[in-house]
C-alpha atoms as a PDB file:
ATOM      1  CA  UNK A   1      47.328  -1.544   4.665  1.00  0.00           C
ATOM      2  CA  UNK A   2      46.160   1.108   2.684  1.00  0.00           C
ATOM      3  CA  UNK A   3      43.653   3.988   4.315  1.00  0.00           C
ATOM      4  CA  UNK A   4      40.199   4.336   2.893  1.00  0.00           C
ATOM      5  CA  UNK A   5      39.684   7.698   1.381  1.00  0.00           C
ATOM      6  CA  UNK A   6      37.008   9.750   3.092  1.00  0.00           C
ATOM      7  CA  UNK A   7      34.073  11.292   1.003  1.00  0.00           C
ATOM      8  CA  UNK A   8      31.865  14.153   1.867  1.00  0.00           C
ATOM      9  CA  UNK A   9      29.019  11.345   2.767  1.00  0.00           C
ATOM     10  CA  UNK A  10      31.333  10.454   5.558  1.00  0.00           C
ATOM     11  CA  UNK A  11      30.822  13.829   7.240  1.00  0.00           C
ATOM     12  CA  UNK A  12      27.505  12.515   8.265  1.00  0.00           C
ATOM     13  CA  UNK A  13      25.516  15.179   6.162  1.00  0.00           C
ATOM     14  CA  UNK A  14      27.137  18.541   7.068  1.00  0.00           C
ATOM     15  CA  UNK A  15      27.840  21.215   4.759  1.00  0.00           C
ATOM     16  CA  UNK A  16      29.942  24.312   5.541  1.00  0.00           C
ATOM     17  CA  UNK A  17      29.335  27.443   3.881  1.00  0.00           C
ATOM     18  CA  UNK A  18      30.953  30.791   4.016  1.00  0.00           C
ATOM     19  CA  UNK A  19      28.284  32.633   2.465  1.00  0.00           C
ATOM     20  CA  UNK A  20      26.434  34.883   4.939  1.00  0.00           C
ATOM     21  CA  UNK A  21      23.035  34.828   3.224  1.00  0.00           C
ATOM     22  CA  UNK A  22      22.652  31.047   3.262  1.00  0.00           C
ATOM     23  CA  UNK A  23      19.599  29.610   4.429  1.00  0.00           C
ATOM     24  CA  UNK A  24      19.892  25.706   5.120  1.00  0.00           C
ATOM     25  CA  UNK A  25      15.914  25.546   5.189  1.00  0.00           C
ATOM     26  CA  UNK A  26      15.419  26.247   1.628  1.00  0.00           C
ATOM     27  CA  UNK A  27      17.309  22.967   0.905  1.00  0.00           C
ATOM     28  CA  UNK A  28      15.338  20.522   3.131  1.00  0.00           C
ATOM     29  CA  UNK A  29      13.671  18.462   0.674  1.00  0.00           C
ATOM     30  CA  UNK A  30      11.573  16.424   3.259  1.00  0.00           C
ATOM     31  CA  UNK A  31       9.376  19.209   3.964  1.00  0.00           C
ATOM     32  CA  UNK A  32       8.792  20.431   0.354  1.00  0.00           C
ATOM     33  CA  UNK A  33       7.776  17.014  -0.897  1.00  0.00           C
ATOM     34  CA  UNK A  34       4.134  16.871  -1.817  1.00  0.00           C
ATOM     35  CA  UNK A  35       2.412  13.491  -1.988  1.00  0.00           C
ATOM     36  CA  UNK A  36       1.385  12.216  -5.198  1.00  0.00           C
ATOM     37  CA  UNK A  37      -1.851  10.626  -5.981  1.00  0.00           C
ATOM     38  CA  UNK A  38      -2.019   6.829  -5.321  1.00  0.00           C
ATOM     39  CA  UNK A  39      -2.520   6.202  -9.019  1.00  0.00           C
ATOM     40  CA  UNK A  40       0.512   7.831  -9.854  1.00  0.00           C
ATOM     41  CA  UNK A  41       2.702   6.079  -7.670  1.00  0.00           C
ATOM     42  CA  UNK A  42       4.311   2.440  -8.028  1.00  0.00           C
ATOM     43  CA  UNK A  43       5.252   0.794  -4.826  1.00  0.00           C
ATOM     44  CA  UNK A  44       7.370  -2.084  -4.288  1.00  0.00           C
ATOM     45  CA  UNK A  45       6.460  -5.017  -1.793  1.00  0.00           C
ATOM     46  CA  UNK A  46       9.654  -6.617  -0.700  1.00  0.00           C
ATOM     47  CA  UNK A  47      10.063  -9.686   1.766  1.00  0.00           C
ATOM     48  CA  UNK A  48      13.047  -9.750   3.798  1.00  0.00           C
ATOM     49  CA  UNK A  49      14.975 -11.524   6.871  1.00  0.00           C
ATOM     50  CA  UNK A  50      18.608 -10.049   6.303  1.00  0.00           C
ATOM     51  CA  UNK A  51      19.824  -8.199   9.086  1.00  0.00           C
ATOM     52  CA  UNK A  52      16.800  -8.699  11.449  1.00  0.00           C
ATOM     53  CA  UNK A  53      18.256 -11.912  13.210  1.00  0.00           C
ATOM     54  CA  UNK A  54      16.179 -14.298  11.121  1.00  0.00           C
ATOM     55  CA  UNK A  55      12.900 -12.415  11.590  1.00  0.00           C
ATOM     56  CA  UNK A  56      10.829 -12.088   8.412  1.00  0.00           C
ATOM     57  CA  UNK A  57       9.323  -8.696   7.352  1.00  0.00           C
ATOM     58  CA  UNK A  58       7.637  -6.974   4.678  1.00  0.00           C
ATOM     59  CA  UNK A  59       9.159  -3.670   3.370  1.00  0.00           C
ATOM     60  CA  UNK A  60       7.241  -1.369   1.366  1.00  0.00           C
ATOM     61  CA  UNK A  61       9.333   1.068  -0.808  1.00  0.00           C
ATOM     62  CA  UNK A  62       8.755   3.918  -3.504  1.00  0.00           C
ATOM     63  CA  UNK A  63       6.340   5.957  -1.640  1.00  0.00           C
ATOM     64  CA  UNK A  64       6.593   9.423  -2.995  1.00  0.00           C
ATOM     65  CA  UNK A  65       5.029  12.357  -0.407  1.00  0.00           C
ATOM     66  CA  UNK A  66       5.773  13.820   3.017  1.00  0.00           C
ATOM     67  CA  UNK A  67       6.820  12.086   6.198  1.00  0.00           C
ATOM     68  CA  UNK A  68       3.506  12.784   7.825  1.00  0.00           C
ATOM     69  CA  UNK A  69       1.661  10.996   4.941  1.00  0.00           C
ATOM     70  CA  UNK A  70       4.142   7.992   5.017  1.00  0.00           C
ATOM     71  CA  UNK A  71       3.648   7.736   8.751  1.00  0.00           C
ATOM     72  CA  UNK A  72      -0.232   7.724   8.491  1.00  0.00           C
ATOM     73  CA  UNK A  73       0.104   4.727   5.495  1.00  0.00           C
ATOM     74  CA  UNK A  74       2.301   2.832   7.648  1.00  0.00           C
ATOM     75  CA  UNK A  75       0.117   3.071  10.886  1.00  0.00           C
ATOM     76  CA  UNK A  76      -2.894   2.240   8.592  1.00  0.00           C
ATOM     77  CA  UNK A  77      -1.202  -1.074   7.158  1.00  0.00           C
ATOM     78  CA  UNK A  78       0.157  -2.260  10.484  1.00  0.00           C
ATOM     79  CA  UNK A  79      -3.632  -1.974  11.945  1.00  0.00           C
ATOM     80  CA  UNK A  80      -4.952  -3.696   8.732  1.00  0.00           C
ATOM     81  CA  UNK A  81      -2.486  -6.623   9.135  1.00  0.00           C
ATOM     82  CA  UNK A  82      -2.615  -6.810  13.023  1.00  0.00           C
ATOM     83  CA  UNK A  83       1.095  -6.656  13.418  1.00  0.00           C
ATOM     84  CA  UNK A  84       3.717  -4.334  14.391  1.00  0.00           C
ATOM     85  CA  UNK A  85       6.015  -2.394  12.344  1.00  0.00           C
ATOM     86  CA  UNK A  86       7.930   0.875  11.724  1.00  0.00           C
ATOM     87  CA  UNK A  87       8.474   3.597   9.240  1.00  0.00           C
ATOM     88  CA  UNK A  88      12.067   4.505   8.691  1.00  0.00           C
ATOM     89  CA  UNK A  89      14.675   5.874   5.409  1.00  0.00           C
ATOM     90  CA  UNK A  90      11.385   6.319   3.418  1.00  0.00           C
ATOM     91  CA  UNK A  91      10.404   2.627   3.842  1.00  0.00           C
ATOM     92  CA  UNK A  92       7.630   1.020   5.787  1.00  0.00           C
ATOM     93  CA  UNK A  93       8.444  -2.044   7.674  1.00  0.00           C
ATOM     94  CA  UNK A  94       5.783  -4.359   8.623  1.00  0.00           C
ATOM     95  CA  UNK A  95       6.732  -7.505  10.773  1.00  0.00           C
ATOM     96  CA  UNK A  96       6.005 -10.796   9.407  1.00  0.00           C
ATOM     97  CA  UNK A  97       5.383 -12.096   5.636  1.00  0.00           C
ATOM     98  CA  UNK A  98       2.173 -10.356   5.076  1.00  0.00           C
ATOM     99  CA  UNK A  99       2.794  -9.124   1.462  1.00  0.00           C
ATOM    100  CA  UNK A 100      -0.571 -10.302   0.338  1.00  0.00           C
ATOM    101  CA  UNK A 101      -2.409  -8.335   2.752  1.00  0.00           C
ATOM    102  CA  UNK A 102      -0.378  -5.250   2.118  1.00  0.00           C
ATOM    103  CA  UNK A 103      -0.782  -5.417  -1.324  1.00  0.00           C
ATOM    104  CA  UNK A 104      -4.332  -5.958  -1.409  1.00  0.00           C
ATOM    105  CA  UNK A 105      -4.893  -3.136   0.913  1.00  0.00           C
ATOM    106  CA  UNK A 106      -2.780  -0.833  -1.114  1.00  0.00           C
ATOM    107  CA  UNK A 107      -4.476  -1.736  -4.320  1.00  0.00           C
ATOM    108  CA  UNK A 108      -7.942  -0.750  -2.473  1.00  0.00           C
ATOM    109  CA  UNK A 109      -6.501   2.440  -1.899  1.00  0.00           C
ATOM    110  CA  UNK A 110      -5.671   2.883  -5.819  1.00  0.00           C
ATOM    111  CA  UNK A 111      -1.723   2.516  -5.478  1.00  0.00           C
ATOM    112  CA  UNK A 112      -0.156   0.637  -8.092  1.00  0.00           C
ATOM    113  CA  UNK A 113       1.896  -2.319  -6.265  1.00  0.00           C
ATOM    114  CA  UNK A 114       4.615  -4.709  -7.306  1.00  0.00           C
ATOM    115  CA  UNK A 115       5.555  -8.029  -5.820  1.00  0.00           C
ATOM    116  CA  UNK A 116       9.461  -7.987  -5.661  1.00  0.00           C
ATOM    117  CA  UNK A 117      11.455 -11.125  -4.517  1.00  0.00           C
ATOM    118  CA  UNK A 118      10.458 -14.814  -3.464  1.00  0.00           C
END
């Protein structure tokens, strides 16, 4: 059986440097992201049940901005739909198939929204 070749991503995001003046904070992109205006963003509303034990969810992808703004938008969408959810890996996950409500609310806020999948 052939061994799998390891790559940089297998190190878990660690980067080793011998440079004494290396400042890892300058490469932290999450803190440097500025949130674009809603009219400049194209969000995708997906419907998914894969990997969730058959439970259906609505996933909003494509948000460009700070993590705080993404969390606030996720909280607002969960409250508007009256369901639970979470924000992970730059995506807003809303429990249930509530794409129509999510899309309507995002359009009210000025976002451009594209319906993806079924």
